[in-house]
Amino acid sequence: MNDLQHEDPLALFHQWLKDAESSEPNDPNAAALATATPTGEPSVRMILMKRADERGFCFFTNAESRKGMDLEANPRAALCFHWKTRRRQVRVEGAVTVMEAADVDAYFHSRSRKSQIGAAVSRQSRPLASREQLEAQVQEFAEQHPTDVPRPPFWLGYCLEAHRIEFWMDGPDRLHDRFLFTRSNGQWDQIRLYP
């Protein structure tokens, strides 16, 4: 397909994301994030990609969650964006780095107050006795911080610096179009793959 013939995979990704923003009913920036432990035990979950630029595909989360612990021990990951209404998919693989604190602070404080409080209170991925316990902790934290909400030290931003980006587009009779971009020495090479 002509729109897959592109020299810059990041520009093509942004074009596809923009297309998805007009047709996806919810969160066109949602992606499945796959991580693995050092011994290779995989785990996957949905995240919201907040930025894609020269630093990589960036998202924010609790570093003490399962994904955060996986990334600390094995800083490589994969993302999969699937836009069902567009019949398109993008897969991204690469190394993950932690974002600068100033960038994380700026994004954290751009969120709603309630989202900031929720992030500060949540002990993501750990056992919780009840919904009531969580709501009581949120209320207590909000009362302790009536104005600015401090970003908790465990709430970080991560960027996946892609070394492989694959674009997939549905085709008739399952003859899909697939193009793989791989980066070597700062340059992108592109090949077509069998469906």
Protein backbone atom coordinates (compact mmCIF):
# COMPACT_ATOMS: atom_id res chain seq x y z
CA MET A 1 0.00 0.00 0.00
CA ASN A 2 1.28 3.44 -0.87
CA ASP A 3 0.84 4.89 2.61
CA LEU A 4 3.19 2.22 3.96
CA GLN A 5 5.97 3.36 1.64
CA HIS A 6 7.63 5.85 3.95
CA GLU A 7 11.22 6.63 4.91
CA ASP A 8 10.48 7.76 8.47
CA PRO A 9 8.56 5.24 10.60
CA LEU A 10 7.90 7.78 13.36
CA ALA A 11 6.24 10.15 10.88
CA LEU A 12 4.20 7.25 9.52
CA PHE A 13 3.21 6.26 13.05
CA HIS A 14 1.98 9.80 13.76
CA GLN A 15 0.00 9.76 10.51
CA TRP A 16 -1.68 6.49 11.52
CA LEU A 17 -2.31 7.74 15.06
CA LYS A 18 -3.96 10.87 13.68
CA ASP A 19 -6.15 8.69 11.43
CA ALA A 20 -7.11 6.57 14.46
CA GLU A 21 -8.00 9.64 16.51
CA SER A 22 -10.85 10.32 14.07
CA SER A 23 -12.31 6.82 14.20
CA GLU A 24 -11.40 5.01 17.44
CA PRO A 25 -14.14 5.44 20.08
CA ASN A 26 -11.71 5.35 23.02
CA ASP A 27 -8.02 5.96 23.64
CA PRO A 28 -6.37 5.72 20.20
CA ASN A 29 -3.06 6.03 22.08
CA ALA A 30 -3.69 2.77 23.98
CA ALA A 31 -1.15 0.00 23.45
CA ALA A 32 -0.38 -3.41 24.86
CA LEU A 33 2.95 -3.26 26.68
CA ALA A 34 4.85 -6.54 26.97
CA THR A 35 7.65 -6.93 29.49
CA ALA A 36 9.56 -9.91 30.81
CA THR A 37 11.50 -10.88 33.90
CA PRO A 38 15.24 -11.63 33.57
CA THR A 39 14.30 -15.32 33.34
CA GLY A 40 11.92 -14.65 30.46
CA GLU A 41 8.54 -14.82 32.20
CA PRO A 42 6.34 -12.53 30.07
CA SER A 43 3.59 -10.17 31.13
CA VAL A 44 1.38 -7.88 29.06
CA ARG A 45 -1.05 -5.07 29.91
CA MET A 46 -2.60 -2.00 28.32
CA ILE A 47 -0.99 1.42 28.80
CA LEU A 48 -1.57 4.88 27.36
CA MET A 49 1.32 6.13 25.24
CA LYS A 50 1.63 9.84 26.01
CA ARG A 51 4.37 10.90 23.63
CA ALA A 52 6.26 9.56 20.65
CA ASP A 53 9.30 11.51 19.54
CA GLU A 54 13.06 11.16 19.06
CA ARG A 55 13.32 9.81 22.64
CA GLY A 56 10.92 6.99 21.92
CA PHE A 57 7.39 5.89 22.73
CA CYS A 58 6.79 7.27 26.22
CA PHE A 59 4.40 6.36 29.02
CA PHE A 60 4.10 6.90 32.77
CA THR A 61 3.50 4.42 35.57
CA ASN A 62 4.24 3.29 39.10
CA ALA A 63 7.80 1.93 39.13
CA GLU A 64 6.86 -0.43 41.97
CA SER A 65 4.19 -2.14 39.84
CA ARG A 66 4.89 -5.43 38.11
CA LYS A 67 5.74 -3.67 34.84
CA GLY A 68 8.01 -1.26 36.68
CA MET A 69 9.86 -4.08 38.39
CA ASP A 70 10.15 -5.97 35.08
CA LEU A 71 11.61 -2.87 33.40
CA GLU A 72 14.06 -2.32 36.24
CA ALA A 73 15.37 -5.87 35.94
CA ASN A 74 15.07 -6.26 32.17
CA PRO A 75 14.83 -2.88 30.41
CA ARG A 76 13.53 -4.15 27.08
CA ALA A 77 9.91 -4.17 26.02
CA ALA A 78 7.43 -4.30 23.14
CA LEU A 79 4.32 -2.29 22.34
CA CYS A 80 1.40 -3.19 20.11
CA PHE A 81 -1.08 -0.58 18.92
CA HIS A 82 -4.25 -2.04 17.40
CA TRP A 83 -6.77 0.24 15.73
CA LYS A 84 -9.70 -2.03 14.99
CA THR A 85 -11.74 0.60 13.16
CA ARG A 86 -8.81 1.27 10.81
CA ARG A 87 -7.84 -2.42 10.51
CA ARG A 88 -4.26 -1.49 11.31
CA GLN A 89 -1.60 -2.50 13.81
CA VAL A 90 1.84 -1.19 14.77
CA ARG A 91 4.37 -3.23 16.74
CA VAL A 92 7.36 -1.55 18.41
CA GLU A 93 10.34 -3.22 20.10
CA GLY A 94 13.36 -1.78 21.85
CA ALA A 95 15.22 -0.74 24.97
CA VAL A 96 13.48 1.24 27.70
CA THR A 97 14.97 4.15 29.66
CA VAL A 98 13.64 6.23 32.54
CA MET A 99 12.70 9.80 31.68
CA GLU A 100 14.27 12.86 33.29
CA ALA A 101 12.60 13.92 36.56
CA ALA A 102 11.70 17.38 35.21
CA ASP A 103 9.76 15.83 32.32
CA VAL A 104 7.96 13.43 34.68
CA ASP A 105 7.11 16.28 37.08
CA ALA A 106 5.71 18.39 34.23
CA TYR A 107 3.45 15.62 33.00
CA PHE A 108 2.37 14.57 36.51
CA HIS A 109 1.27 18.11 37.35
CA SER A 110 -0.58 18.47 34.02
CA ARG A 111 -3.00 15.74 35.14
CA SER A 112 -6.17 16.41 37.09
CA ARG A 113 -5.81 16.72 40.86
CA LYS A 114 -7.81 13.51 41.37
CA SER A 115 -5.53 11.60 38.98
CA GLN A 116 -2.47 12.90 40.81
CA ILE A 117 -3.91 11.79 44.15
CA GLY A 118 -4.84 8.39 42.75
CA ALA A 119 -1.30 7.87 41.47
CA ALA A 120 0.20 8.94 44.79
CA VAL A 121 -2.03 6.63 46.85
CA SER A 122 -2.03 3.53 44.66
CA ARG A 123 0.36 0.71 45.55
CA GLN A 124 -0.15 -0.67 42.08
CA SER A 125 -0.16 -4.45 41.64
CA ARG A 126 -0.12 -5.16 45.39
CA PRO A 127 -3.00 -6.73 47.37
CA LEU A 128 -5.81 -4.40 48.51
CA ALA A 129 -8.23 -5.44 51.27
CA SER A 130 -11.23 -3.50 49.98
CA ARG A 131 -12.45 -0.63 47.80
CA GLU A 132 -13.37 1.19 51.02
CA GLN A 133 -9.74 1.06 52.18
CA LEU A 134 -8.59 2.66 48.92
CA GLU A 135 -11.23 5.39 49.09
CA ALA A 136 -10.31 6.16 52.73
CA GLN A 137 -6.62 6.46 51.76
CA VAL A 138 -7.53 8.81 48.89
CA GLN A 139 -9.61 10.98 51.24
CA GLU A 140 -6.86 11.10 53.88
CA PHE A 141 -4.17 11.97 51.32
CA ALA A 142 -6.35 14.71 49.80
CA GLU A 143 -6.83 16.26 53.23
CA GLN A 144 -3.09 16.11 53.92
CA HIS A 145 -2.37 17.87 50.60
CA PRO A 146 -5.09 20.52 50.14
CA THR A 147 -3.18 22.38 47.41
CA ASP A 148 -0.27 20.92 45.43
CA VAL A 149 0.10 17.16 45.16
CA PRO A 150 3.74 16.02 45.37
CA ARG A 151 4.77 13.53 42.72
CA PRO A 152 5.64 10.31 44.52
CA PRO A 153 9.22 9.15 43.87
CA PHE A 154 7.93 5.81 42.54
CA TRP A 155 5.85 7.42 39.77
CA LEU A 156 8.10 7.53 36.70
CA GLY A 157 8.10 8.02 32.97
CA TYR A 158 9.59 5.52 30.56
CA CYS A 159 10.56 5.77 26.89
CA LEU A 160 10.87 2.77 24.61
CA GLU A 161 13.55 3.60 22.03
CA ALA A 162 12.50 1.57 19.03
CA HIS A 163 14.91 -0.59 17.08
CA ARG A 164 12.07 -2.40 15.27
CA ILE A 165 8.74 -0.95 14.11
CA GLU A 166 6.33 -3.05 12.09
CA PHE A 167 3.27 -1.64 10.31
CA TRP A 168 0.43 -4.03 9.49
CA MET A 169 -2.61 -3.29 7.35
CA ASP A 170 -5.49 -5.67 6.72
CA GLY A 171 -5.72 -6.98 3.18
CA PRO A 172 -8.29 -8.96 1.20
CA ASP A 173 -8.19 -12.75 1.53
CA ARG A 174 -5.74 -12.36 4.44
CA LEU A 175 -3.10 -11.01 2.06
CA HIS A 176 -2.12 -8.33 4.56
CA ASP A 177 0.49 -5.65 3.97
CA ARG A 178 3.38 -5.72 6.45
CA PHE A 179 6.41 -3.45 6.45
CA LEU A 180 9.24 -3.77 8.94
CA PHE A 181 11.58 -0.91 9.79
CA THR A 182 14.81 -1.78 11.63
CA ARG A 183 17.31 0.76 12.90
CA SER A 184 21.03 0.31 12.51
CA ASN A 185 23.69 2.98 13.08
CA GLY A 186 20.98 5.63 13.36
CA GLN A 187 19.43 4.74 9.99
CA TRP A 188 16.14 2.99 9.24
CA ASP A 189 15.97 0.11 6.77
CA GLN A 190 12.61 -1.03 5.43
CA ILE A 191 11.51 -4.39 4.07
CA ARG A 192 8.18 -5.93 3.15
CA LEU A 193 7.16 -9.10 5.00
CA TYR A 194 4.89 -11.95 3.98
CA PRO A 195 1.46 -11.71 5.61
